[in-house]
Amino acid sequence: MPVGLLVLLMMFAFSAQLALVGAQNSGVGVQVGNYFEYDVSLSGSQAQILGGRAYGVTNVTATVTDVTGSNVTYSLEGQYQNGTDKGTTVSVDVSTGETENKANAAIDWNLVVANLSVDESTYPNSGSWANETVTMGGRPTDHSIQSNVTGAENDTLDVYWDVATGVPVNVSEVDTVSGEITLNETYVLVATNAWTTVVPEFSPLVMVIIMAALVGVAGATALRRKEKSLPQTRLL
């Protein structure tokens, strides 16, 4: 098999895989294997009522384990002041905001749809939206801030999302009652591998195409060697 044909086959296989990934990940800006590590700070009297879910957590890492359509499954591993770890598997549909098992996670990690526009709600019927797009860490970032005042209570949520991935990079929630802070929670992204290109894994079908091409090349090479090794007959 000519080398040029092999290259074309491999390019076709890779393009097919990219198209498949693009079709499966509609609206999703993360890929399987992406991880996001956060430093966490939590204090205030309300922090106590969160119990083992969040109180005392100092570091959290979210790792994407599956992406199917607009549904993202990730593991959320929390490290605590007493040296213990707690892992939770959570899923979120970025197109609807529906989640599973989120209540047990160490922090309220909110993944949203990629390329969210200003004044577009994070989820349908959500009270959260991007107020503006700013630059943070050299990357376009959506900024959302909401303040809910009820009597003597004032709850303020200030969030920055990376536009390309929909991942929170800086989240701060401050709740006060009569001017006294009852909850002060912040988590900040400190490490990730998502800013670099992640080569998608090949599907079984694509792997069959590649292997068939390689076997064809090996067979053609062996045949050529055999032809060259045949004894030459000289005509008298």
Protein backbone atom coordinates (compact mmCIF):
# COMPACT_ATOMS: atom_id res chain seq x y z
CA MET A 1 0.00 0.00 0.00
CA PRO A 2 1.50 3.37 -0.96
CA VAL A 3 2.53 5.59 1.94
CA GLY A 4 0.35 8.40 0.59
CA LEU A 5 -2.75 6.21 0.83
CA LEU A 6 -1.85 5.25 4.39
CA VAL A 7 -1.57 8.91 5.36
CA LEU A 8 -4.95 9.62 3.78
CA LEU A 9 -6.53 6.74 5.69
CA MET A 10 -5.11 7.92 8.99
CA MET A 11 -6.23 11.51 8.30
CA PHE A 12 -9.72 10.20 7.52
CA ALA A 13 -9.79 8.19 10.74
CA PHE A 14 -8.66 11.14 12.84
CA SER A 15 -11.17 13.50 11.16
CA ALA A 16 -13.95 10.99 11.73
CA GLN A 17 -13.06 10.78 15.42
CA LEU A 18 -12.98 14.56 15.76
CA ALA A 19 -16.39 14.81 14.10
CA LEU A 20 -17.75 12.14 16.44
CA VAL A 21 -16.40 13.95 19.49
CA GLY A 22 -17.83 17.24 18.25
CA ALA A 23 -21.24 15.68 17.71
CA GLN A 24 -21.26 14.02 21.13
CA ASN A 25 -20.07 17.10 23.05
CA SER A 26 -22.62 19.68 21.87
CA GLY A 27 -22.45 22.69 24.19
CA VAL A 28 -19.81 21.05 26.39
CA GLY A 29 -16.41 22.71 26.70
CA VAL A 30 -14.60 19.99 28.65
CA GLN A 31 -13.23 16.58 27.67
CA VAL A 32 -12.74 13.29 29.46
CA GLY A 33 -9.48 13.49 31.42
CA ASN A 34 -9.66 17.23 32.09
CA TYR A 35 -9.02 18.07 35.73
CA PHE A 36 -9.56 21.29 37.66
CA GLU A 37 -7.94 21.87 41.06
CA TYR A 38 -9.16 24.53 43.49
CA ASP A 39 -8.01 26.12 46.70
CA VAL A 40 -11.00 26.45 49.04
CA SER A 41 -11.70 28.81 51.93
CA LEU A 42 -14.77 28.41 54.11
CA SER A 43 -15.73 30.22 57.29
CA GLY A 44 -18.69 31.67 59.17
CA SER A 45 -21.41 30.30 61.44
CA GLN A 46 -23.41 28.86 58.51
CA ALA A 47 -20.36 26.84 57.50
CA GLN A 48 -21.04 24.62 60.49
CA ILE A 49 -24.47 23.58 59.23
CA LEU A 50 -22.96 22.36 55.95
CA GLY A 51 -21.50 19.54 58.02
CA GLY A 52 -19.11 17.00 56.50
CA ARG A 53 -19.99 18.08 52.96
CA ALA A 54 -17.83 21.20 53.00
CA TYR A 55 -16.71 22.28 56.48
CA GLY A 56 -12.93 22.03 56.81
CA VAL A 57 -12.29 21.41 53.10
CA THR A 58 -9.09 23.06 51.86
CA ASN A 59 -8.60 21.69 48.36
CA VAL A 60 -10.87 20.16 45.72
CA THR A 61 -10.13 18.52 42.35
CA ALA A 62 -12.83 17.92 39.74
CA THR A 63 -11.94 15.33 37.06
CA VAL A 64 -14.16 14.74 34.02
CA THR A 65 -14.83 11.01 33.62
CA ASP A 66 -17.52 10.93 30.93
CA VAL A 67 -19.15 13.24 28.38
CA THR A 68 -22.32 12.05 26.66
CA GLY A 69 -24.19 14.67 24.68
CA SER A 70 -24.66 17.65 27.02
CA ASN A 71 -24.28 15.50 30.14
CA VAL A 72 -20.95 15.64 31.99
CA THR A 73 -19.95 13.19 34.72
CA TYR A 74 -17.05 14.10 36.99
CA SER A 75 -15.44 12.98 40.22
CA LEU A 76 -15.03 15.64 42.90
CA GLU A 77 -12.25 14.82 45.35
CA GLY A 78 -12.04 16.97 48.48
CA GLN A 79 -9.12 17.21 50.90
CA TYR A 80 -9.87 18.30 54.48
CA GLN A 81 -7.97 19.96 57.32
CA ASN A 82 -7.90 16.73 59.32
CA GLY A 83 -6.05 14.95 56.47
CA THR A 84 -9.00 12.95 55.16
CA ASP A 85 -10.21 12.77 51.56
CA LYS A 86 -13.74 12.41 50.24
CA GLY A 87 -14.66 11.60 46.65
CA THR A 88 -18.08 12.04 45.05
CA THR A 89 -19.29 11.23 41.53
CA VAL A 90 -21.56 13.95 40.16
CA SER A 91 -23.25 14.52 36.80
CA VAL A 92 -24.67 17.70 35.29
CA ASP A 93 -26.53 18.41 32.07
CA VAL A 94 -25.10 21.76 30.97
CA SER A 95 -28.08 22.44 28.69
CA THR A 96 -30.68 22.12 31.46
CA GLY A 97 -28.79 22.47 34.74
CA GLU A 98 -30.13 19.16 36.02
CA THR A 99 -27.68 17.38 38.35
CA GLU A 100 -27.32 14.07 40.14
CA ASN A 101 -25.64 13.51 43.53
CA LYS A 102 -24.52 17.14 43.77
CA ALA A 103 -25.74 17.56 47.36
CA ASN A 104 -23.01 15.20 48.59
CA ALA A 105 -20.15 17.02 46.82
CA ALA A 106 -17.50 18.90 48.79
CA ILE A 107 -18.30 22.20 47.04
CA ASP A 108 -21.10 23.49 44.83
CA TRP A 109 -19.11 23.19 41.56
CA ASN A 110 -21.21 24.73 38.78
CA LEU A 111 -20.24 23.72 35.24
CA VAL A 112 -22.16 25.63 32.56
CA VAL A 113 -22.46 25.52 28.77
CA ALA A 114 -19.40 26.62 26.79
CA ASN A 115 -19.31 30.01 25.03
CA LEU A 116 -22.01 31.55 27.20
CA SER A 117 -22.98 35.00 25.90
CA VAL A 118 -23.49 38.12 28.01
CA ASP A 119 -27.08 38.38 29.33
CA GLU A 120 -27.65 34.69 28.52
CA SER A 121 -28.87 32.67 31.50
CA THR A 122 -26.58 29.88 32.66
CA TYR A 123 -29.46 27.39 32.47
CA PRO A 124 -33.08 27.67 31.29
CA ASN A 125 -35.21 29.46 33.92
CA SER A 126 -32.07 30.20 35.95
CA GLY A 127 -31.65 33.45 37.88
CA SER A 128 -27.95 33.45 37.05
CA TRP A 129 -26.47 34.94 33.89
CA ALA A 130 -23.29 36.55 32.57
CA ASN A 131 -23.27 40.28 33.40
CA GLU A 132 -20.08 40.95 31.42
CA THR A 133 -17.10 39.25 29.79
CA VAL A 134 -13.66 40.17 31.12
CA THR A 135 -10.14 38.84 30.77
CA MET A 136 -8.81 36.71 33.62
CA GLY A 137 -5.48 34.91 33.39
CA GLY A 138 -5.26 35.91 29.74
CA ARG A 139 -8.51 34.12 28.88
CA PRO A 140 -12.03 35.43 28.13
CA THR A 141 -14.10 34.98 31.27
CA ASP A 142 -17.81 35.51 31.95
CA HIS A 143 -18.53 37.42 35.16
CA SER A 144 -21.78 36.97 37.04
CA ILE A 145 -22.76 38.66 40.28
CA GLN A 146 -26.13 38.46 42.04
CA SER A 147 -27.17 39.88 45.37
CA ASN A 148 -30.33 38.75 47.14
CA VAL A 149 -31.49 40.99 49.99
CA THR A 150 -34.27 39.70 52.26
CA GLY A 151 -34.86 41.81 55.35
CA ALA A 152 -31.66 41.78 57.41
CA GLU A 153 -30.13 39.06 55.20
CA ASN A 154 -27.90 39.73 52.22
CA ASP A 155 -26.59 36.85 50.07
CA THR A 156 -24.09 37.73 47.35
CA LEU A 157 -22.74 35.26 44.78
CA ASP A 158 -19.82 36.42 42.62
CA VAL A 159 -18.73 33.96 39.89
CA TYR A 160 -16.23 33.95 37.02
CA TRP A 161 -16.55 31.23 34.34
CA ASP A 162 -13.98 30.43 31.65
CA VAL A 163 -15.84 31.11 28.38
CA ALA A 164 -14.34 28.28 26.31
CA THR A 165 -14.96 25.53 28.87
CA GLY A 166 -17.80 26.77 31.08
CA VAL A 167 -15.67 25.95 34.13
CA PRO A 168 -15.72 28.20 37.23
CA VAL A 169 -12.34 29.85 37.84
CA ASN A 170 -13.22 32.04 40.82
CA VAL A 171 -16.33 31.72 42.99
CA SER A 172 -17.18 33.74 46.09
CA GLU A 173 -20.32 33.58 48.21
CA VAL A 174 -20.79 35.93 51.15
CA ASP A 175 -23.92 35.80 53.30
CA THR A 176 -24.57 38.36 56.03
CA VAL A 177 -27.25 38.89 58.67
CA SER A 178 -27.52 42.39 60.12
CA GLY A 179 -24.07 43.15 58.72
CA GLU A 180 -22.35 40.14 60.29
CA ILE A 181 -20.83 37.49 57.98
CA THR A 182 -22.50 34.12 58.47
CA LEU A 183 -20.93 32.41 55.44
CA ASN A 184 -17.79 33.29 53.50
CA GLU A 185 -16.98 30.64 50.89
CA THR A 186 -14.41 31.02 48.12
CA TYR A 187 -12.83 28.58 45.71
CA VAL A 188 -10.21 29.55 43.13
CA LEU A 189 -8.83 27.50 40.22
CA VAL A 190 -5.12 26.87 40.73
CA ALA A 191 -4.29 24.06 38.26
CA THR A 192 -5.78 22.42 35.16
CA ASN A 193 -4.76 20.56 32.00
CA ALA A 194 -7.72 21.90 30.00
CA TRP A 195 -5.89 24.91 28.56
CA THR A 196 -3.85 22.54 26.34
CA THR A 197 -5.22 20.40 23.53
CA VAL A 198 -6.34 16.95 24.63
CA VAL A 199 -6.05 14.39 21.82
CA PRO A 200 -9.35 12.46 21.73
CA GLU A 201 -9.26 8.73 22.28
CA PHE A 202 -9.83 6.65 19.14
CA SER A 203 -13.05 4.67 18.98
CA PRO A 204 -12.92 0.91 18.20
CA LEU A 205 -14.07 1.55 14.60
CA VAL A 206 -11.28 4.05 13.99
CA MET A 207 -8.74 1.69 15.53
CA VAL A 208 -9.87 -1.08 13.14
CA ILE A 209 -9.30 1.25 10.17
CA ILE A 210 -5.83 2.18 11.37
CA MET A 211 -4.85 -1.42 12.11
CA ALA A 212 -6.11 -2.55 8.70
CA ALA A 213 -4.01 0.13 7.05
CA LEU A 214 -0.91 -0.89 9.00
CA VAL A 215 -1.44 -4.57 8.15
CA GLY A 216 -1.80 -3.64 4.50
CA VAL A 217 1.47 -1.74 4.54
CA ALA A 218 3.24 -4.62 6.29
CA GLY A 219 1.90 -7.11 3.74
CA ALA A 220 2.90 -4.96 0.76
CA THR A 221 6.39 -4.49 2.17
CA ALA A 222 6.83 -8.23 2.73
CA LEU A 223 5.66 -8.98 -0.83
CA ARG A 224 8.14 -6.53 -2.30
CA ARG A 225 10.97 -8.07 -0.31
CA LYS A 226 9.96 -11.54 -1.50
CA GLU A 227 9.92 -10.40 -5.14
CA LYS A 228 13.38 -8.91 -4.80
CA SER A 229 14.73 -12.09 -3.20
CA LEU A 230 13.58 -14.38 -6.10
CA PRO A 231 16.54 -15.76 -8.17
CA GLN A 232 17.04 -13.97 -11.47
CA THR A 233 17.12 -16.16 -14.62
CA ARG A 234 19.60 -15.05 -17.26
CA LEU A 235 18.65 -15.65 -20.89
CA LEU A 236 21.48 -17.12 -23.05
